[in-house]
Amino acid sequence: MMLPPPIADLHDRFSRGEPLSDDDQAILNTWYAEQDQAEQELFGRQPADDTIQTIHQQIVEAAQHLVQITQQITATIATNDAIRKEIAILHTRLAQHVSGRAA
């Protein structure tokens, strides 16, 4: 199934945990709902609306949680990189200090 380019971009960004604006999230949620409706019509089933809404809400909450976790991981990676650089600088300084004493 080919997605329209704007929807494909939003879906891709959302599935990778990138934050979406409220408007973009609303567009994507509308598209998801349309796809759900098309699937239901295709398969001739009409699950209870409450069940669909509950599951949809759980998916949205899980996706939001994944976004938060992704942001935390990204921040941790940046912090670790900064600490690694600082450690490398300190190792260099220590080696210079030790070699200066030996001379």
Protein backbone atom coordinates (compact mmCIF):
# COMPACT_ATOMS: atom_id res chain seq x y z
CA MET A 1 0.00 0.00 0.00
CA MET A 2 1.42 3.34 -1.03
CA LEU A 3 0.86 6.21 1.37
CA PRO A 4 0.37 9.77 0.18
CA PRO A 5 3.72 11.57 0.68
CA PRO A 6 2.61 13.87 3.53
CA ILE A 7 1.02 10.96 5.42
CA ALA A 8 4.01 8.72 4.73
CA ASP A 9 6.31 11.37 6.19
CA LEU A 10 4.15 11.82 9.29
CA HIS A 11 3.79 8.06 9.77
CA ASP A 12 7.53 7.57 9.35
CA ARG A 13 8.40 10.33 11.81
CA PHE A 14 5.84 9.09 14.33
CA SER A 15 6.97 5.47 14.06
CA ARG A 16 10.57 6.57 14.69
CA GLY A 17 9.55 8.38 17.85
CA GLU A 18 9.99 11.89 16.54
CA PRO A 19 7.66 14.43 18.09
CA LEU A 20 4.81 15.71 15.91
CA SER A 21 3.00 18.98 16.24
CA ASP A 22 -0.58 18.78 17.50
CA ASP A 23 -1.84 19.50 13.99
CA ASP A 24 0.34 16.80 12.43
CA GLN A 25 -0.73 14.32 15.11
CA ALA A 26 -4.39 15.14 14.43
CA ILE A 27 -3.87 14.61 10.69
CA LEU A 28 -2.18 11.28 11.32
CA ASN A 29 -4.85 10.17 13.81
CA THR A 30 -7.56 11.03 11.26
CA TRP A 31 -5.74 9.04 8.59
CA TYR A 32 -5.35 6.07 10.99
CA ALA A 33 -9.08 6.21 11.76
CA GLU A 34 -9.89 6.28 8.04
CA GLN A 35 -7.66 3.25 7.49
CA ASP A 36 -9.32 1.43 10.37
CA GLN A 37 -12.73 2.18 8.87
CA ALA A 38 -11.64 0.98 5.43
CA GLU A 39 -10.31 -2.26 6.96
CA GLN A 40 -13.54 -2.84 8.84
CA GLU A 41 -15.55 -2.34 5.65
CA LEU A 42 -13.22 -4.62 3.72
CA PHE A 43 -13.53 -7.44 6.22
CA GLY A 44 -17.20 -6.81 6.96
CA ARG A 45 -16.69 -6.55 10.70
CA GLN A 46 -17.76 -3.77 12.97
CA PRO A 47 -16.09 -4.20 16.36
CA ALA A 48 -17.60 -2.29 19.23
CA ASP A 49 -16.74 1.41 18.99
CA ASP A 50 -15.75 1.48 22.66
CA THR A 51 -13.26 -1.33 22.10
CA ILE A 52 -11.77 0.44 19.09
CA GLN A 53 -11.51 3.71 20.98
CA THR A 54 -9.93 1.98 23.98
CA ILE A 55 -7.37 0.19 21.86
CA HIS A 56 -6.66 3.33 19.84
CA GLN A 57 -6.12 5.30 23.05
CA GLN A 58 -3.79 2.62 24.37
CA ILE A 59 -1.80 2.75 21.15
CA VAL A 60 -1.58 6.54 21.28
CA GLU A 61 -0.44 6.43 24.92
CA ALA A 62 2.13 3.73 24.14
CA ALA A 63 3.44 5.77 21.20
CA GLN A 64 3.71 8.87 23.37
CA HIS A 65 5.57 6.84 25.98
CA LEU A 66 7.94 5.57 23.28
CA VAL A 67 8.58 9.16 22.20
CA GLN A 68 9.47 10.10 25.78
CA ILE A 69 11.76 7.10 26.15
CA THR A 70 13.42 7.88 22.82
CA GLN A 71 14.04 11.46 23.93
CA GLN A 72 15.52 10.23 27.23
CA ILE A 73 17.80 7.81 25.40
CA THR A 74 18.90 10.56 23.01
CA ALA A 75 19.69 12.85 25.94
CA THR A 76 21.61 10.07 27.69
CA ILE A 77 23.64 9.38 24.56
CA ALA A 78 24.53 13.08 24.28
CA THR A 79 25.55 13.17 27.95
CA ASN A 80 27.65 10.02 27.56
CA ASP A 81 29.40 11.48 24.52
CA ALA A 82 30.24 14.66 26.43
CA ILE A 83 31.57 12.64 29.37
CA ARG A 84 33.68 10.47 27.05
CA LYS A 85 35.22 13.60 25.51
CA GLU A 86 35.95 14.99 28.96
CA ILE A 87 37.57 11.72 30.03
CA ALA A 88 39.74 11.73 26.90
CA ILE A 89 40.87 15.29 27.68
CA LEU A 90 41.65 14.31 31.28
CA HIS A 91 43.63 11.26 30.11
CA THR A 92 45.64 13.49 27.79
CA ARG A 93 46.33 15.98 30.58
CA LEU A 94 47.31 13.20 32.97
CA ALA A 95 49.69 11.69 30.41
CA GLN A 96 51.26 15.12 29.82
CA HIS A 97 51.57 15.68 33.55
CA VAL A 98 53.17 12.27 34.13
CA SER A 99 55.59 12.67 31.21
CA GLY A 100 56.47 16.17 32.44
CA ARG A 101 57.43 14.77 35.84
CA ALA A 102 59.51 12.04 34.30
CA ALA A 103 61.57 14.56 32.35
